Amino acid sequence: MSETETEPKAADAGLAARQGAHRLVAAVLTQKRALDEAFADEASRGLLAKLAPADRGFARAIATTTLRHIGEIDLIIKRLLDKKLPPRAGLTQVILRTALAELFFLDVKAHAVVDLAVEAAGRDSDAMHFKSLVNAILRRALREAETIREGIDGERAALQPWLWKSWIGIYGEIKTREIIRAQFSEPPLDLTVKDERRRDEWATKLNAQILPTGTLRLNVSGRIEALEGFDEGAWWVQDAAAALPVKLLGNVKGRDVLDLCAAPGGKTLSLAARGANVTALDRSAPRLERLTQNLARLSLSAEIIVEDATKFAPDRKWDFILLDAPCTATGTARRHPDVLHLKSAADRDRLAMLQARLLNHSADLLNIGGTLIYCTCSLEPEEGVKQVDTFLEHHPEFVRVVISPDEIGGMSEAITKAGDLRTLPCHLSDAGGLDGFYAARLKRVS
């Protein structure tokens, strides 16, 4: 964005929210920053800092909607423009992108969208020269709203070519399109209850649905901290799919469990709540600090170690290890649409090599007879089943232990032919979907 962009008047929350959304989209698409990181910066010391929570939420909604539909939006812009915008246009393209997202996917009042887009362009030292163009393009989009999207395959346009090719090869076109449609929708809020005996009680208090897996699901907006039960540490936020791998360890009460690559810590919390003696290890001290804060809020405990898991060399071994390995996170695009624009095939291959190192090192930390859960929130087989198959080829002392549907709430569609867990964003679609997650259960037998 231009350094000279004018700060909005404090009273003009609508304009400030749009300008904040412009910065968020530019941060992801131009600066290649994660949306969560960019939003945290803007909300703490940027354009969104002085806005009410609802206005900050609206700015984020504009940004996430733009990122979800950016492929289709750019094809619309291409139809509306006679020629490409020059580099000196500054924020003009971002302003057009977010305005079209509001018009076509958020159903915001047209006059407000157009007027504030033109106003935002006028406050940018580069885009101000394209104010008339912004006005003309958006008004033409409104006039031709019934026809301007004809022939555009918004689902195909939502993915980078490498991802489209990958998913078509793995899941087929029908299932791939189901996955994409699931990622177009704003996901509900999922909570894991600390005391499972009080699940029904908290479902009633929060007006939440209890999913077959035991997760509480709410369709709410606003500050999570304002929900009943937050301050008393009754629950934590965790997607229903991410809550499943811990279940695959069975009864861990009183048992020692090593949680590798633990941050931000949802699985550590689950293990601790189930009575395990948890050692949570991660290389990121700031992310582990968040885990420490959540442990304190929930009155749970765990041993925290800041270290690179590939170099971890303790003088002991464990009977239970959970390895939630770093990955491309393509399965989380419902909540984090930026991942589809930030990750590449090269990232997938680089992370797959790291995952192999982590998995091999984890094997050395496990006792004979012990159980190892390997999981990632990626939809790529290179980060999932291929990783496990290769590991088993080189480690005959390990066997795969088949996962049964009754361990995951009866979701038979989430069990692969090999007996691993594979959730897809389109699973439980009637209830709001799931993150894409892979998990395999491995046992050291010799």
Protein backbone atom coordinates (compact mmCIF):
# COMPACT_ATOMS: atom_id res chain seq x y z
CA MET A 1 0.00 0.00 0.00
CA SER A 2 1.12 3.58 -0.48
CA GLU A 3 2.94 5.07 2.47
CA THR A 4 0.99 8.28 1.97
CA GLU A 5 -2.50 6.79 2.33
CA THR A 6 -4.52 9.18 4.47
CA GLU A 7 -5.71 7.96 7.85
CA PRO A 8 -9.53 7.87 8.02
CA LYS A 9 -11.52 10.01 10.38
CA ALA A 10 -12.27 8.12 13.58
CA ALA A 11 -16.01 8.59 13.11
CA ASP A 12 -16.02 7.08 9.65
CA ALA A 13 -16.00 3.45 10.69
CA GLY A 14 -17.32 2.23 7.34
CA LEU A 15 -14.44 3.76 5.42
CA ALA A 16 -11.86 2.69 8.01
CA ALA A 17 -13.13 -0.89 7.88
CA ARG A 18 -12.75 -0.92 4.09
CA GLN A 19 -9.29 0.59 4.24
CA GLY A 20 -8.34 -1.99 6.83
CA ALA A 21 -9.65 -4.74 4.54
CA HIS A 22 -7.55 -3.29 1.69
CA ARG A 23 -4.44 -3.57 3.84
CA LEU A 24 -5.29 -7.14 4.84
CA VAL A 25 -5.78 -8.31 1.26
CA ALA A 26 -2.64 -6.52 0.11
CA ALA A 27 -0.67 -8.07 2.98
CA VAL A 28 -1.64 -11.58 1.84
CA LEU A 29 -1.46 -11.20 -1.94
CA THR A 30 1.41 -8.74 -2.25
CA GLN A 31 3.48 -9.16 0.90
CA LYS A 32 2.74 -12.90 1.27
CA ARG A 33 1.89 -12.51 4.95
CA ALA A 34 -0.53 -14.73 6.85
CA LEU A 35 -3.96 -13.15 7.29
CA ASP A 36 -4.01 -13.77 11.05
CA GLU A 37 -0.67 -12.00 11.45
CA ALA A 38 -1.73 -9.04 9.31
CA PHE A 39 -5.06 -8.74 11.13
CA ALA A 40 -3.36 -8.81 14.54
CA ASP A 41 -1.11 -5.93 13.44
CA GLU A 42 -3.95 -3.85 12.03
CA ALA A 43 -6.18 -4.50 15.04
CA SER A 44 -3.49 -3.57 17.55
CA ARG A 45 -1.80 -0.57 15.93
CA GLY A 46 -3.17 -0.08 12.42
CA LEU A 47 -6.31 1.32 10.83
CA LEU A 48 -8.54 -1.11 12.71
CA ALA A 49 -7.17 -0.37 16.17
CA LYS A 50 -9.72 2.33 17.07
CA LEU A 51 -12.74 0.57 15.58
CA ALA A 52 -15.41 -1.31 17.48
CA PRO A 53 -15.08 -5.13 17.44
CA ALA A 54 -18.01 -5.40 15.01
CA ASP A 55 -16.31 -3.07 12.53
CA ARG A 56 -13.02 -4.93 12.83
CA GLY A 57 -14.95 -8.13 12.22
CA PHE A 58 -16.55 -6.61 9.13
CA ALA A 59 -13.11 -5.66 7.77
CA ARG A 60 -11.94 -9.22 8.25
CA ALA A 61 -15.11 -10.59 6.64
CA ILE A 62 -14.45 -8.45 3.55
CA ALA A 63 -10.85 -9.67 3.40
CA THR A 64 -11.67 -13.36 3.87
CA THR A 65 -14.51 -13.22 1.35
CA THR A 66 -12.22 -11.53 -1.17
CA LEU A 67 -9.57 -14.20 -0.69
CA ARG A 68 -12.10 -17.03 -0.97
CA HIS A 69 -13.36 -15.75 -4.32
CA ILE A 70 -10.29 -13.93 -5.65
CA GLY A 71 -10.04 -16.13 -8.75
CA GLU A 72 -13.57 -15.36 -9.89
CA ILE A 73 -13.27 -11.69 -8.86
CA ASP A 74 -10.14 -11.24 -10.97
CA LEU A 75 -11.86 -12.78 -13.98
CA ILE A 76 -14.74 -10.32 -13.49
CA ILE A 77 -12.27 -7.42 -13.32
CA LYS A 78 -10.61 -8.67 -16.50
CA ARG A 79 -13.98 -8.50 -18.26
CA LEU A 80 -14.65 -5.00 -16.96
CA LEU A 81 -11.27 -3.47 -17.79
CA ASP A 82 -10.16 -2.70 -21.33
CA LYS A 83 -6.53 -3.15 -20.31
CA LYS A 84 -4.53 -4.11 -17.24
CA LEU A 85 -3.99 -1.55 -14.52
CA PRO A 86 -0.50 -0.01 -14.56
CA PRO A 87 1.87 -0.55 -11.62
CA ARG A 88 1.39 3.09 -10.61
CA ALA A 89 -2.29 2.38 -9.84
CA GLY A 90 -1.44 1.59 -6.22
CA LEU A 91 -4.37 0.14 -4.31
CA THR A 92 -6.80 0.43 -7.22
CA GLN A 93 -6.92 -3.30 -7.93
CA VAL A 94 -7.30 -4.18 -4.25
CA ILE A 95 -10.13 -1.63 -3.91
CA LEU A 96 -11.90 -3.15 -6.91
CA ARG A 97 -11.40 -6.67 -5.60
CA THR A 98 -12.85 -5.98 -2.16
CA ALA A 99 -15.73 -3.89 -3.53
CA LEU A 100 -16.73 -6.67 -5.93
CA ALA A 101 -16.52 -9.16 -3.05
CA GLU A 102 -18.98 -6.99 -1.13
CA LEU A 103 -21.32 -6.61 -4.11
CA PHE A 104 -21.42 -10.20 -5.30
CA PHE A 105 -20.69 -12.29 -2.21
CA LEU A 106 -21.61 -10.22 0.86
CA ASP A 107 -24.74 -8.48 -0.45
CA VAL A 108 -23.81 -5.10 1.03
CA LYS A 109 -25.88 -2.13 -0.14
CA ALA A 110 -24.54 -1.13 -3.53
CA HIS A 111 -24.46 2.63 -3.01
CA ALA A 112 -22.39 2.28 0.16
CA VAL A 113 -19.92 -0.06 -1.53
CA VAL A 114 -19.39 2.19 -4.54
CA ASP A 115 -19.24 5.46 -2.62
CA LEU A 116 -16.75 4.18 -0.06
CA ALA A 117 -14.60 2.46 -2.69
CA VAL A 118 -14.31 5.75 -4.57
CA GLU A 119 -13.60 7.58 -1.32
CA ALA A 120 -10.88 5.06 -0.42
CA ALA A 121 -9.29 5.48 -3.84
CA GLY A 122 -9.29 9.23 -3.33
CA ARG A 123 -7.34 8.88 -0.09
CA ASP A 124 -4.50 6.89 -1.65
CA SER A 125 -1.78 8.93 -3.35
CA ASP A 126 -1.64 6.50 -6.29
CA ALA A 127 -5.22 5.24 -6.55
CA MET A 128 -6.58 8.80 -6.39
CA HIS A 129 -5.75 9.16 -10.08
CA PHE A 130 -8.08 6.23 -10.81
CA LYS A 131 -11.12 7.36 -8.80
CA SER A 132 -13.22 7.83 -11.91
CA LEU A 133 -12.21 4.40 -13.18
CA VAL A 134 -13.16 2.76 -9.87
CA ASN A 135 -16.55 4.47 -9.98
CA ALA A 136 -17.14 3.51 -13.62
CA ILE A 137 -16.08 -0.13 -13.20
CA LEU A 138 -18.23 -0.73 -10.13
CA ARG A 139 -21.29 0.93 -11.64
CA ARG A 140 -20.86 -1.13 -14.79
CA ALA A 141 -20.60 -4.26 -12.63
CA LEU A 142 -23.93 -3.33 -11.05
CA ARG A 143 -25.59 -2.68 -14.42
CA GLU A 144 -24.34 -6.00 -15.79
CA ALA A 145 -24.74 -7.97 -12.56
CA GLU A 146 -27.02 -10.52 -14.21
CA THR A 147 -24.56 -11.36 -16.99
CA ILE A 148 -21.02 -10.35 -15.97
CA ARG A 149 -20.36 -13.71 -14.25
CA GLU A 150 -21.76 -15.90 -17.01
CA GLY A 151 -19.36 -18.61 -18.11
CA ILE A 152 -16.96 -18.08 -15.20
CA ASP A 153 -16.15 -21.25 -13.27
CA GLY A 154 -15.72 -19.78 -9.81
CA GLU A 155 -14.85 -23.13 -8.26
CA ARG A 156 -12.07 -23.85 -10.74
CA ALA A 157 -10.79 -20.28 -10.39
CA ALA A 158 -10.56 -20.65 -6.59
CA LEU A 159 -7.46 -22.84 -6.74
CA GLN A 160 -3.95 -22.37 -8.03
CA PRO A 161 -3.27 -24.72 -10.96
CA TRP A 162 -1.01 -26.99 -8.89
CA LEU A 163 -3.70 -27.46 -6.25
CA TRP A 164 -6.46 -28.08 -8.78
CA LYS A 165 -4.33 -30.74 -10.48
CA SER A 166 -3.41 -32.29 -7.12
CA TRP A 167 -6.95 -32.47 -5.76
CA ILE A 168 -8.47 -33.69 -9.02
CA GLY A 169 -5.91 -36.49 -9.07
CA ILE A 170 -6.60 -37.47 -5.47
CA TYR A 171 -10.29 -36.87 -4.92
CA GLY A 172 -11.77 -36.58 -8.42
CA GLU A 173 -13.52 -33.52 -9.81
CA ILE A 174 -16.88 -34.01 -8.10
CA LYS A 175 -15.36 -34.30 -4.62
CA THR A 176 -12.88 -31.49 -5.35
CA ARG A 177 -15.73 -29.15 -6.18
CA GLU A 178 -17.53 -30.18 -2.99
CA ILE A 179 -14.38 -29.30 -1.04
CA ILE A 180 -14.14 -25.90 -2.72
CA ARG A 181 -17.80 -25.07 -2.10
CA ALA A 182 -17.34 -25.96 1.57
CA GLN A 183 -14.42 -23.52 1.72
CA PHE A 184 -16.57 -20.72 0.31
CA SER A 185 -18.70 -20.62 3.44
CA GLU A 186 -17.86 -18.92 6.73
CA PRO A 187 -17.24 -21.78 9.18
CA PRO A 188 -19.06 -22.08 12.51
CA LEU A 189 -17.28 -21.86 15.86
CA ASP A 190 -16.19 -25.19 17.36
CA LEU A 191 -15.44 -25.68 21.05
CA THR A 192 -13.92 -28.54 23.00
CA VAL A 193 -15.34 -28.81 26.53
CA LYS A 194 -12.76 -29.34 29.27
CA ASP A 195 -14.96 -31.67 31.34
CA GLU A 196 -16.77 -34.05 28.99
CA ARG A 197 -19.29 -34.82 31.74
CA ARG A 198 -20.54 -31.24 31.40
CA ARG A 199 -20.87 -31.27 27.61
CA ASP A 200 -24.67 -31.30 27.60
CA GLU A 201 -24.75 -28.53 30.19
CA TRP A 202 -22.51 -26.26 28.12
CA ALA A 203 -24.38 -27.09 24.93
CA THR A 204 -27.53 -25.78 26.61
CA LYS A 205 -25.84 -22.69 28.03
CA LEU A 206 -24.26 -21.75 24.72
CA ASN A 207 -27.17 -22.87 22.54
CA ALA A 208 -24.73 -25.15 20.75
CA GLN A 209 -25.11 -28.27 18.65
CA ILE A 210 -23.26 -31.39 19.81
CA LEU A 211 -21.57 -32.99 16.82
CA PRO A 212 -21.26 -36.79 16.62
CA THR A 213 -17.58 -36.39 17.52
CA GLY A 214 -18.42 -34.60 20.78
CA THR A 215 -17.46 -31.09 19.69
CA LEU A 216 -19.81 -28.19 20.49
CA ARG A 217 -20.70 -26.16 17.39
CA LEU A 218 -22.03 -22.60 17.56
CA ASN A 219 -23.15 -20.22 14.83
CA VAL A 220 -22.15 -16.99 16.51
CA SER A 221 -20.13 -13.89 15.74
CA GLY A 222 -18.37 -11.43 17.98
CA ARG A 223 -15.65 -11.75 20.57
CA ILE A 224 -14.97 -15.29 21.76
CA GLU A 225 -13.87 -13.90 25.12
CA ALA A 226 -17.42 -12.62 25.70
CA LEU A 227 -18.97 -16.10 25.55
CA GLU A 228 -20.09 -17.73 28.78
CA GLY A 229 -17.51 -20.14 30.10
CA PHE A 230 -14.45 -18.46 28.63
CA ASP A 231 -13.27 -16.75 31.81
CA GLU A 232 -13.86 -19.82 33.94
CA GLY A 233 -11.92 -22.01 31.52
CA ALA A 234 -14.77 -24.37 30.64
CA TRP A 235 -13.76 -24.83 26.99
CA TRP A 236 -11.37 -23.80 24.24
CA VAL A 237 -11.71 -23.16 20.51
CA GLN A 238 -10.75 -26.13 18.35
CA ASP A 239 -12.09 -27.31 15.01
CA ALA A 240 -13.93 -30.60 15.29
CA ALA A 241 -11.47 -32.36 12.97
CA ALA A 242 -8.45 -31.13 14.94
CA ALA A 243 -9.97 -32.63 18.09
CA LEU A 244 -9.97 -36.17 16.64
CA PRO A 245 -6.27 -37.25 16.73
CA VAL A 246 -6.11 -37.17 20.53
CA LYS A 247 -9.07 -39.58 20.67
CA LEU A 248 -7.02 -42.09 18.68
CA LEU A 249 -4.62 -42.53 21.62
CA GLY A 250 -7.40 -44.02 23.73
CA ASN A 251 -7.31 -43.72 27.52
CA VAL A 252 -4.31 -41.58 28.47
CA LYS A 253 -5.29 -40.80 32.08
CA GLY A 254 -2.18 -40.90 34.21
CA ARG A 255 0.02 -41.77 31.20
CA ASP A 256 3.01 -39.84 29.88
CA VAL A 257 2.39 -38.34 26.43
CA LEU A 258 4.83 -36.39 24.25
CA ASP A 259 3.14 -33.75 22.07
CA LEU A 260 5.61 -32.79 19.35
CA CYS A 261 5.17 -29.53 17.40
CA ALA A 262 2.56 -28.71 20.03
CA ALA A 263 1.83 -25.01 19.42
CA PRO A 264 -0.67 -23.40 19.40
CA GLY A 265 -1.69 -26.17 21.78
CA GLY A 266 -5.21 -27.44 21.22
CA LYS A 267 -4.10 -31.06 21.39
CA THR A 268 -2.01 -30.43 24.49
CA LEU A 269 -5.11 -29.03 26.17
CA SER A 270 -7.12 -32.10 25.13
CA LEU A 271 -4.49 -34.46 26.50
CA ALA A 272 -4.18 -32.56 29.77
CA ALA A 273 -7.96 -32.44 30.17
CA ARG A 274 -8.03 -36.22 29.73
CA GLY A 275 -5.62 -36.59 32.63
CA ALA A 276 -2.39 -37.22 30.72
CA ASN A 277 1.04 -36.11 31.90
CA VAL A 278 1.87 -34.03 28.85
CA THR A 279 5.24 -32.86 27.60
CA ALA A 280 4.53 -30.19 24.98
CA LEU A 281 7.44 -29.32 22.71
CA ASP A 282 7.68 -26.69 19.99
CA ARG A 283 10.43 -24.52 18.52
CA SER A 284 8.36 -21.31 18.73
CA ALA A 285 8.52 -19.63 22.13
CA PRO A 286 5.86 -17.00 21.26
CA ARG A 287 3.37 -19.65 20.16
CA LEU A 288 4.07 -21.70 23.28
CA GLU A 289 3.37 -18.60 25.35
CA ARG A 290 -0.17 -18.68 23.99
CA LEU A 291 -0.41 -22.31 25.09
CA THR A 292 0.85 -21.38 28.56
CA GLN A 293 -1.85 -18.72 28.83
CA ASN A 294 -4.56 -21.18 27.81
CA LEU A 295 -3.31 -23.78 30.28
CA ALA A 296 -3.59 -21.18 33.03
CA ARG A 297 -7.09 -20.11 31.95
CA LEU A 298 -8.24 -23.72 31.91
CA SER A 299 -6.45 -24.68 35.15
CA LEU A 300 -4.55 -27.42 33.33
CA SER A 301 -0.86 -28.27 33.42
CA ALA A 302 1.81 -29.53 31.04
CA GLU A 303 5.57 -29.51 30.82
CA ILE A 304 6.58 -26.93 28.21
CA ILE A 305 9.83 -27.30 26.24
CA VAL A 306 11.08 -24.83 23.64
CA GLU A 307 13.19 -26.84 21.22
CA ASP A 308 13.46 -28.02 17.64
CA ALA A 309 11.71 -31.40 17.55
CA THR A 310 14.20 -32.78 15.01
CA LYS A 311 17.02 -32.17 17.52
CA PHE A 312 15.21 -33.19 20.69
CA ALA A 313 17.43 -35.75 22.47
CA PRO A 314 16.01 -36.61 25.90
CA ASP A 315 17.34 -39.39 28.09
CA ARG A 316 14.00 -41.18 28.08
CA LYS A 317 11.28 -42.57 25.81
CA TRP A 318 7.47 -42.39 25.76
CA ASP A 319 4.60 -44.86 25.38
CA PHE A 320 2.46 -42.26 23.58
CA ILE A 321 3.58 -39.65 21.05
CA LEU A 322 1.42 -37.23 19.10
CA LEU A 323 3.14 -35.60 16.12
CA ASP A 324 1.07 -32.83 14.53
CA ALA A 325 3.65 -31.97 11.90
CA PRO A 326 4.09 -28.58 10.21
CA CYS A 327 2.34 -28.64 6.82
CA THR A 328 0.82 -26.53 4.06
CA ALA A 329 -2.46 -26.44 6.04
CA THR A 330 -4.53 -26.66 2.85
CA GLY A 331 -7.24 -28.41 4.85
CA THR A 332 -7.89 -25.26 6.90
CA ALA A 333 -8.91 -22.97 4.02
CA ARG A 334 -12.45 -22.67 5.44
CA ARG A 335 -10.98 -20.64 8.28
CA HIS A 336 -7.78 -19.47 6.61
CA PRO A 337 -8.42 -18.78 2.91
CA ASP A 338 -5.00 -17.13 2.67
CA VAL A 339 -3.27 -20.54 2.73
CA LEU A 340 -4.48 -21.26 -0.81
CA HIS A 341 -2.56 -18.19 -2.00
CA LEU A 342 0.49 -18.41 0.24
CA LYS A 343 1.47 -22.05 -0.32
CA SER A 344 3.04 -23.60 -3.41
CA ALA A 345 3.97 -27.06 -4.63
CA ALA A 346 7.54 -26.24 -3.60
CA ASP A 347 6.31 -25.51 -0.06
CA ARG A 348 4.52 -28.86 0.00
CA ASP A 349 7.65 -30.73 -1.08
CA ARG A 350 9.89 -28.84 1.35
CA LEU A 351 7.51 -29.51 4.24
CA ALA A 352 7.20 -33.16 3.25
CA MET A 353 10.95 -33.56 3.76
CA LEU A 354 10.66 -31.97 7.22
CA GLN A 355 7.73 -34.24 8.07
CA ALA A 356 9.78 -37.30 7.14
CA ARG A 357 12.60 -36.17 9.43
CA LEU A 358 10.16 -35.54 12.27
CA LEU A 359 8.43 -38.88 11.81
CA ASN A 360 11.71 -40.78 11.71
CA HIS A 361 12.97 -38.99 14.80
CA SER A 362 9.70 -39.64 16.64
CA ALA A 363 10.24 -43.36 16.08
CA ASP A 364 13.42 -43.15 18.14
CA LEU A 365 11.52 -41.57 21.04
CA LEU A 366 8.86 -44.29 21.31
CA ASN A 367 9.02 -47.35 23.56
CA ILE A 368 8.37 -50.82 22.21
CA GLY A 369 4.61 -51.35 22.37
CA GLY A 370 4.04 -47.60 22.22
CA THR A 371 1.62 -45.71 19.99
CA LEU A 372 2.50 -42.87 17.64
CA ILE A 373 -0.15 -40.64 16.05
CA TYR A 374 1.06 -38.78 12.96
CA CYS A 375 -1.27 -36.04 11.71
CA THR A 376 -1.40 -32.95 9.51
CA CYS A 377 -4.10 -30.47 8.50
CA SER A 378 -3.18 -30.83 4.83
CA LEU A 379 -5.19 -32.33 1.99
CA GLU A 380 -2.03 -33.33 0.13
CA PRO A 381 -1.12 -37.06 0.12
CA GLU A 382 2.57 -36.12 0.13
CA GLU A 383 1.98 -34.80 3.64
CA GLY A 384 -0.31 -37.62 4.69
CA VAL A 385 -0.70 -41.17 3.50
CA LYS A 386 2.42 -41.15 1.29
CA GLN A 387 4.43 -39.99 4.27
CA VAL A 388 3.16 -42.86 6.42
CA ASP A 389 3.51 -45.50 3.70
CA THR A 390 7.12 -44.52 3.13
CA PHE A 391 7.79 -44.55 6.87
CA LEU A 392 6.38 -48.07 7.23
CA GLU A 393 8.51 -49.29 4.32
CA HIS A 394 11.65 -48.16 6.14
CA HIS A 395 10.52 -49.07 9.66
CA PRO A 396 9.46 -52.73 9.80
CA GLU A 397 9.32 -52.44 13.58
CA PHE A 398 6.13 -50.38 13.17
CA VAL A 399 2.64 -51.40 12.04
CA ARG A 400 -0.43 -49.35 11.14
CA VAL A 401 -3.30 -49.74 13.58
CA VAL A 402 -6.62 -49.33 11.80
CA ILE A 403 -8.96 -46.62 13.05
CA SER A 404 -12.60 -47.56 13.49
CA PRO A 405 -15.58 -45.26 12.86
CA ASP A 406 -16.82 -45.59 16.45
CA GLU A 407 -13.64 -43.84 17.64
CA ILE A 408 -14.59 -40.70 15.70
CA GLY A 409 -18.32 -40.44 16.23
CA GLY A 410 -19.33 -43.00 13.62
CA MET A 411 -17.94 -41.01 10.67
CA SER A 412 -17.20 -43.98 8.42
CA GLU A 413 -16.73 -41.66 5.43
CA ALA A 414 -13.64 -40.26 7.18
CA ILE A 415 -11.85 -43.63 7.32
CA THR A 416 -9.62 -44.51 4.36
CA LYS A 417 -9.25 -47.97 2.83
CA ALA A 418 -5.94 -48.28 4.66
CA GLY A 419 -7.64 -47.48 7.96
CA ASP A 420 -6.37 -43.94 8.45
CA LEU A 421 -8.36 -40.81 9.30
CA ARG A 422 -9.06 -38.44 6.41
CA THR A 423 -11.58 -35.67 7.00
CA LEU A 424 -12.55 -33.32 4.19
CA PRO A 425 -14.08 -29.82 4.38
CA CYS A 426 -17.25 -31.21 2.80
CA HIS A 427 -17.75 -33.84 5.52
CA LEU A 428 -20.64 -33.04 7.87
CA SER A 429 -21.65 -30.44 5.30
CA ASP A 430 -25.21 -30.23 6.68
CA ALA A 431 -23.74 -29.15 10.01
CA GLY A 432 -21.18 -26.69 8.62
CA GLY A 433 -18.31 -28.88 7.47
CA LEU A 434 -14.92 -29.78 8.93
CA ASP A 435 -11.31 -28.86 8.43
CA GLY A 436 -9.38 -31.26 6.24
CA PHE A 437 -7.27 -33.48 8.49
CA TYR A 438 -5.18 -36.62 8.13
CA ALA A 439 -4.07 -38.95 10.91
CA ALA A 440 -2.50 -42.40 11.07
CA ARG A 441 -2.02 -44.57 14.16
CA LEU A 442 1.28 -46.44 14.28
CA LYS A 443 2.45 -48.97 16.87
CA ARG A 444 6.00 -50.02 17.59
CA VAL A 445 5.92 -53.79 17.87
CA SER A 446 9.63 -54.63 18.03
